[in-house]
């Protein structure tokens, strides 16, 4: 927020307007993109096996979309509902196959944009 105020021509505008003028992504977008990058690393085994969270792949061989679909688990309490392993499932499953089939983390991060 402070960095966008350093641009003298935009100093008088509100924060969202400064972001639009500078064409910078919002914080929510950056967090979601970071979450998707972490899920990609976990599923492609870029991490150590002990780091893997409760991300369960669909066992069906035929799925609509890509072949790395995650199982959406039910949550009864808000404590678990907003955790990483639950909040990323719907977003991950909605990504197109062209994004999921990236060769490495760098090309995945570019294609999510």
N, C-alpha and C. Protein backbone atom coordinates (compact mmCIF):
# COMPACT_ATOMS: atom_id res chain seq x y z
N UNK A 1 0.83 -1.18 0.00
CA UNK A 1 0.00 0.00 0.00
C UNK A 1 0.88 1.25 0.00
N UNK A 2 1.92 1.21 0.83
CA UNK A 2 2.82 2.37 0.89
C UNK A 2 3.58 2.56 -0.40
N UNK A 3 3.96 1.46 -1.05
CA UNK A 3 4.73 1.57 -2.29
C UNK A 3 3.93 2.23 -3.40
N UNK A 4 2.62 1.99 -3.44
CA UNK A 4 1.81 2.62 -4.49
C UNK A 4 1.66 4.12 -4.25
N UNK A 5 1.81 4.56 -3.02
CA UNK A 5 1.72 6.00 -2.73
C UNK A 5 2.98 6.75 -3.18
N UNK A 6 4.05 6.03 -3.44
CA UNK A 6 5.28 6.67 -3.88
C UNK A 6 5.20 7.19 -5.31
N UNK A 7 4.25 6.71 -6.08
CA UNK A 7 4.03 7.23 -7.43
C UNK A 7 3.27 8.55 -7.27
N UNK A 8 3.95 9.65 -7.56
CA UNK A 8 3.42 10.98 -7.25
C UNK A 8 2.09 11.26 -7.95
N UNK A 9 1.96 10.84 -9.21
CA UNK A 9 0.73 11.12 -9.94
C UNK A 9 -0.48 10.38 -9.36
N UNK A 10 -0.26 9.29 -8.63
CA UNK A 10 -1.36 8.48 -8.12
C UNK A 10 -1.57 8.64 -6.61
N UNK A 11 -0.80 9.49 -5.99
CA UNK A 11 -0.82 9.62 -4.53
C UNK A 11 -2.17 10.02 -3.99
N UNK A 12 -2.92 10.81 -4.72
CA UNK A 12 -4.22 11.31 -4.24
C UNK A 12 -5.36 10.30 -4.40
N UNK A 13 -5.14 9.20 -5.14
CA UNK A 13 -6.20 8.22 -5.39
C UNK A 13 -6.32 7.22 -4.25
N UNK A 14 -7.45 6.52 -4.21
CA UNK A 14 -7.63 5.45 -3.24
C UNK A 14 -6.78 4.25 -3.65
N UNK A 15 -6.57 3.34 -2.69
CA UNK A 15 -5.69 2.20 -2.91
C UNK A 15 -6.14 1.34 -4.09
N UNK A 16 -7.43 1.00 -4.18
CA UNK A 16 -7.92 0.16 -5.28
C UNK A 16 -7.74 0.86 -6.63
N UNK A 17 -7.95 2.16 -6.65
CA UNK A 17 -7.77 2.91 -7.90
C UNK A 17 -6.30 2.95 -8.31
N UNK A 18 -5.41 3.06 -7.32
CA UNK A 18 -3.97 3.03 -7.63
C UNK A 18 -3.57 1.68 -8.21
N UNK A 19 -4.13 0.59 -7.64
CA UNK A 19 -3.84 -0.75 -8.16
C UNK A 19 -4.33 -0.90 -9.60
N UNK A 20 -5.53 -0.38 -9.88
CA UNK A 20 -6.07 -0.46 -11.23
C UNK A 20 -5.22 0.33 -12.21
N UNK A 21 -4.79 1.50 -11.83
CA UNK A 21 -3.96 2.32 -12.72
C UNK A 21 -2.60 1.68 -12.98
N UNK A 22 -2.03 1.07 -11.93
CA UNK A 22 -0.73 0.43 -12.08
C UNK A 22 -0.84 -0.99 -12.64
N UNK A 23 -2.08 -1.47 -12.77
CA UNK A 23 -2.36 -2.83 -13.26
C UNK A 23 -1.67 -3.88 -12.41
N UNK A 24 -1.73 -3.69 -11.09
CA UNK A 24 -1.18 -4.66 -10.15
C UNK A 24 -2.29 -5.58 -9.67
N UNK A 25 -1.99 -6.87 -9.49
CA UNK A 25 -3.02 -7.79 -9.00
C UNK A 25 -3.34 -7.52 -7.53
N UNK A 26 -4.56 -7.83 -7.15
CA UNK A 26 -4.99 -7.62 -5.78
C UNK A 26 -4.36 -8.65 -4.85
N UNK A 27 -4.45 -8.39 -3.57
CA UNK A 27 -3.89 -9.29 -2.57
C UNK A 27 -4.58 -10.64 -2.60
N UNK A 28 -5.88 -10.66 -2.77
CA UNK A 28 -6.63 -11.91 -2.83
C UNK A 28 -6.17 -12.76 -4.02
N UNK A 29 -5.95 -12.14 -5.17
CA UNK A 29 -5.46 -12.86 -6.34
C UNK A 29 -4.08 -13.44 -6.09
N UNK A 30 -3.19 -12.65 -5.49
CA UNK A 30 -1.82 -13.13 -5.22
C UNK A 30 -1.83 -14.29 -4.24
N UNK A 31 -2.70 -14.24 -3.23
CA UNK A 31 -2.79 -15.34 -2.27
C UNK A 31 -3.31 -16.61 -2.93
N UNK A 32 -4.33 -16.47 -3.77
CA UNK A 32 -4.88 -17.63 -4.47
C UNK A 32 -3.85 -18.24 -5.40
N UNK A 33 -3.13 -17.40 -6.13
CA UNK A 33 -2.09 -17.90 -7.04
C UNK A 33 -1.00 -18.61 -6.25
N UNK A 34 -0.62 -18.09 -5.10
CA UNK A 34 0.37 -18.74 -4.24
C UNK A 34 -0.12 -20.08 -3.73
N UNK A 35 -1.40 -20.14 -3.34
CA UNK A 35 -1.98 -21.41 -2.88
C UNK A 35 -1.95 -22.45 -3.99
N UNK A 36 -2.30 -22.05 -5.22
CA UNK A 36 -2.31 -22.99 -6.34
C UNK A 36 -0.90 -23.49 -6.67
N UNK A 37 0.09 -22.62 -6.52
CA UNK A 37 1.47 -23.03 -6.74
C UNK A 37 1.91 -24.05 -5.71
N UNK A 38 1.50 -23.86 -4.47
CA UNK A 38 1.85 -24.81 -3.41
C UNK A 38 1.18 -26.17 -3.63
N UNK A 39 -0.09 -26.15 -4.08
CA UNK A 39 -0.78 -27.41 -4.36
C UNK A 39 -0.09 -28.13 -5.51
N UNK A 40 0.31 -27.39 -6.53
CA UNK A 40 1.02 -27.99 -7.67
C UNK A 40 2.31 -28.66 -7.20
N UNK A 41 3.05 -27.99 -6.33
CA UNK A 41 4.29 -28.57 -5.80
C UNK A 41 4.01 -29.84 -5.01
N UNK A 42 2.95 -29.84 -4.23
CA UNK A 42 2.62 -31.01 -3.42
C UNK A 42 2.22 -32.20 -4.29
N UNK A 43 1.43 -31.94 -5.32
CA UNK A 43 0.93 -33.03 -6.16
C UNK A 43 1.96 -33.55 -7.14
N UNK A 44 2.92 -32.72 -7.51
CA UNK A 44 3.97 -33.18 -8.43
C UNK A 44 5.21 -33.62 -7.67
N UNK A 45 5.09 -33.74 -6.37
CA UNK A 45 6.14 -34.26 -5.49
C UNK A 45 7.43 -33.43 -5.54
N UNK A 46 7.28 -32.11 -5.61
CA UNK A 46 8.43 -31.22 -5.50
C UNK A 46 8.85 -31.08 -4.04
N UNK A 47 7.93 -31.39 -3.14
CA UNK A 47 8.20 -31.36 -1.71
C UNK A 47 8.61 -32.73 -1.22
N UNK A 48 9.12 -32.76 -0.02
CA UNK A 48 9.40 -34.02 0.66
C UNK A 48 8.08 -34.72 0.95
N UNK A 49 8.06 -36.05 0.98
CA UNK A 49 6.84 -36.82 1.21
C UNK A 49 6.21 -36.50 2.57
N UNK A 50 7.02 -36.14 3.57
CA UNK A 50 6.49 -35.88 4.91
C UNK A 50 5.71 -34.58 5.00
N UNK A 51 5.82 -33.69 4.02
CA UNK A 51 5.15 -32.41 4.04
C UNK A 51 3.72 -32.52 3.54
N UNK A 52 3.40 -33.57 2.84
CA UNK A 52 2.10 -33.71 2.20
C UNK A 52 0.95 -33.60 3.19
N UNK A 53 0.00 -32.74 2.86
CA UNK A 53 -1.19 -32.55 3.67
C UNK A 53 -2.25 -33.56 3.28
N UNK A 54 -3.46 -33.36 3.73
CA UNK A 54 -4.56 -34.26 3.44
C UNK A 54 -5.19 -33.93 2.09
N UNK A 55 -4.39 -33.93 1.05
CA UNK A 55 -4.90 -33.70 -0.29
C UNK A 55 -5.06 -35.05 -0.96
N UNK A 56 -6.30 -35.48 -1.11
CA UNK A 56 -6.58 -36.81 -1.65
C UNK A 56 -7.04 -36.68 -3.10
N UNK A 57 -6.41 -37.44 -3.99
CA UNK A 57 -6.78 -37.43 -5.39
C UNK A 57 -8.01 -38.31 -5.62
N UNK A 58 -8.80 -37.96 -6.64
CA UNK A 58 -9.94 -38.79 -7.03
C UNK A 58 -9.43 -40.15 -7.46
N UNK A 59 -10.10 -41.19 -7.06
CA UNK A 59 -9.68 -42.53 -7.42
C UNK A 59 -10.26 -42.98 -8.76
N UNK A 60 -11.29 -42.31 -9.24
CA UNK A 60 -11.88 -42.67 -10.53
C UNK A 60 -10.90 -42.35 -11.66
N UNK A 61 -10.81 -43.23 -12.61
CA UNK A 61 -9.88 -43.01 -13.72
C UNK A 61 -10.41 -41.98 -14.71
N UNK A 62 -11.74 -41.85 -14.79
CA UNK A 62 -12.33 -40.90 -15.72
C UNK A 62 -12.90 -39.73 -14.92
N UNK A 63 -12.30 -38.56 -15.12
CA UNK A 63 -12.82 -37.35 -14.49
C UNK A 63 -12.99 -36.28 -15.56
N UNK A 64 -13.91 -35.39 -15.35
CA UNK A 64 -14.08 -34.29 -16.28
C UNK A 64 -12.98 -33.27 -15.97
N UNK A 65 -12.24 -32.87 -16.97
CA UNK A 65 -11.14 -31.94 -16.76
C UNK A 65 -9.82 -32.67 -16.66
N UNK A 66 -8.98 -32.25 -15.76
CA UNK A 66 -7.64 -32.83 -15.63
C UNK A 66 -7.66 -34.07 -14.74
N UNK A 67 -6.53 -34.79 -14.73
CA UNK A 67 -6.46 -36.06 -13.99
C UNK A 67 -5.94 -35.90 -12.57
N UNK A 68 -5.73 -34.69 -12.11
CA UNK A 68 -5.26 -34.45 -10.74
C UNK A 68 -6.36 -33.80 -9.89
N UNK A 69 -7.59 -34.20 -10.11
CA UNK A 69 -8.71 -33.66 -9.33
C UNK A 69 -8.59 -34.11 -7.88
N UNK A 70 -8.95 -33.22 -6.96
CA UNK A 70 -8.90 -33.51 -5.53
C UNK A 70 -10.29 -33.83 -5.01
N UNK A 71 -10.33 -34.65 -3.97
CA UNK A 71 -11.60 -35.00 -3.33
C UNK A 71 -11.99 -33.88 -2.39
N UNK A 72 -13.24 -33.44 -2.49
CA UNK A 72 -13.75 -32.37 -1.64
C UNK A 72 -14.32 -32.99 -0.37
N UNK A 73 -13.64 -32.79 0.75
CA UNK A 73 -14.10 -33.37 2.01
C UNK A 73 -15.07 -32.42 2.72
N UNK A 74 -15.94 -32.99 3.53
CA UNK A 74 -16.92 -32.19 4.27
C UNK A 74 -16.34 -31.71 5.58
N UNK A 75 -16.75 -30.51 5.97
CA UNK A 75 -16.30 -29.93 7.24
C UNK A 75 -17.53 -29.49 8.02
N UNK A 76 -17.51 -29.79 9.29
CA UNK A 76 -18.64 -29.41 10.14
C UNK A 76 -18.34 -28.18 11.00
N UNK A 77 -17.07 -27.86 11.13
CA UNK A 77 -16.68 -26.74 11.99
C UNK A 77 -15.91 -25.71 11.17
N UNK A 78 -16.08 -24.44 11.53
CA UNK A 78 -15.39 -23.37 10.83
C UNK A 78 -13.88 -23.46 10.96
N UNK A 79 -13.40 -24.05 12.03
CA UNK A 79 -11.97 -24.16 12.25
C UNK A 79 -11.29 -24.89 11.09
N UNK A 80 -11.90 -25.95 10.63
CA UNK A 80 -11.33 -26.72 9.52
C UNK A 80 -11.78 -26.18 8.16
N UNK A 81 -12.94 -25.56 8.10
CA UNK A 81 -13.51 -25.10 6.83
C UNK A 81 -12.60 -24.11 6.11
N UNK A 82 -11.88 -23.30 6.84
CA UNK A 82 -11.04 -22.28 6.23
C UNK A 82 -9.56 -22.67 6.19
N UNK A 83 -9.25 -23.92 6.45
CA UNK A 83 -7.86 -24.37 6.41
C UNK A 83 -7.40 -24.53 4.97
N UNK A 84 -6.10 -24.60 4.78
CA UNK A 84 -5.51 -24.67 3.45
C UNK A 84 -6.03 -25.87 2.66
N UNK A 85 -6.03 -27.05 3.28
CA UNK A 85 -6.38 -28.29 2.59
C UNK A 85 -7.83 -28.29 2.11
N UNK A 86 -8.69 -27.49 2.70
CA UNK A 86 -10.09 -27.47 2.30
C UNK A 86 -10.38 -26.32 1.33
N UNK A 87 -9.78 -25.16 1.56
CA UNK A 87 -10.13 -24.00 0.74
C UNK A 87 -9.57 -24.06 -0.67
N UNK A 88 -8.53 -24.88 -0.92
CA UNK A 88 -7.92 -24.91 -2.25
C UNK A 88 -8.56 -25.92 -3.19
N UNK A 89 -9.37 -26.84 -2.68
CA UNK A 89 -9.88 -27.95 -3.50
C UNK A 89 -10.75 -27.45 -4.66
N UNK A 90 -11.73 -26.61 -4.41
CA UNK A 90 -12.63 -26.15 -5.48
C UNK A 90 -11.90 -25.32 -6.52
N UNK A 91 -10.98 -24.48 -6.08
CA UNK A 91 -10.23 -23.66 -7.01
C UNK A 91 -9.33 -24.55 -7.87
N UNK A 92 -8.63 -25.50 -7.25
CA UNK A 92 -7.75 -26.40 -7.97
C UNK A 92 -8.51 -27.23 -9.00
N UNK A 93 -9.66 -27.76 -8.61
CA UNK A 93 -10.44 -28.59 -9.52
C UNK A 93 -11.00 -27.79 -10.70
N UNK A 94 -11.14 -26.49 -10.55
CA UNK A 94 -11.68 -25.67 -11.63
C UNK A 94 -10.62 -25.21 -12.63
N UNK A 95 -9.34 -25.44 -12.34
CA UNK A 95 -8.29 -25.03 -13.26
C UNK A 95 -8.34 -25.88 -14.53
N UNK A 96 -8.04 -25.29 -15.69
CA UNK A 96 -8.06 -26.06 -16.93
C UNK A 96 -6.86 -27.01 -17.03
N UNK A 97 -7.00 -28.00 -17.89
CA UNK A 97 -5.96 -29.01 -18.08
C UNK A 97 -4.66 -28.40 -18.59
N UNK A 98 -4.75 -27.36 -19.37
CA UNK A 98 -3.54 -26.72 -19.92
C UNK A 98 -2.67 -26.11 -18.81
N UNK A 99 -3.28 -25.67 -17.73
CA UNK A 99 -2.52 -25.11 -16.61
C UNK A 99 -1.91 -26.23 -15.77
N UNK A 100 -2.68 -27.27 -15.50
CA UNK A 100 -2.22 -28.37 -14.66
C UNK A 100 -1.08 -29.14 -15.31
N UNK A 101 -1.07 -29.21 -16.62
CA UNK A 101 -0.06 -30.01 -17.33
C UNK A 101 1.25 -29.25 -17.55
N UNK A 102 1.52 -28.24 -16.76
CA UNK A 102 2.77 -27.49 -16.88
C UNK A 102 3.96 -28.39 -16.54
N UNK A 103 5.10 -28.10 -17.16
CA UNK A 103 6.30 -28.92 -16.98
C UNK A 103 6.96 -28.71 -15.63
N UNK A 104 6.98 -27.48 -15.15
CA UNK A 104 7.61 -27.19 -13.87
C UNK A 104 6.87 -26.05 -13.17
N UNK A 105 7.35 -25.69 -12.00
CA UNK A 105 6.66 -24.68 -11.17
C UNK A 105 6.68 -23.31 -11.85
N UNK A 106 7.76 -22.97 -12.53
CA UNK A 106 7.84 -21.66 -13.18
C UNK A 106 6.81 -21.51 -14.29
N UNK A 107 6.65 -22.53 -15.12
CA UNK A 107 5.66 -22.44 -16.19
C UNK A 107 4.24 -22.53 -15.62
N UNK A 108 4.06 -23.24 -14.51
CA UNK A 108 2.74 -23.28 -13.87
C UNK A 108 2.37 -21.90 -13.37
N UNK A 109 3.28 -21.20 -12.70
CA UNK A 109 3.01 -19.88 -12.16
C UNK A 109 2.67 -18.86 -13.23
N UNK A 110 3.30 -18.99 -14.40
CA UNK A 110 3.02 -18.08 -15.51
C UNK A 110 1.65 -18.37 -16.09
N UNK A 111 1.30 -19.65 -16.21
CA UNK A 111 0.03 -20.00 -16.85
C UNK A 111 -1.17 -19.74 -15.95
N UNK A 112 -0.97 -19.66 -14.63
CA UNK A 112 -2.07 -19.34 -13.73
C UNK A 112 -2.47 -17.88 -13.89
N UNK A 113 -1.52 -17.04 -14.21
CA UNK A 113 -1.79 -15.61 -14.38
C UNK A 113 -2.77 -15.44 -15.49
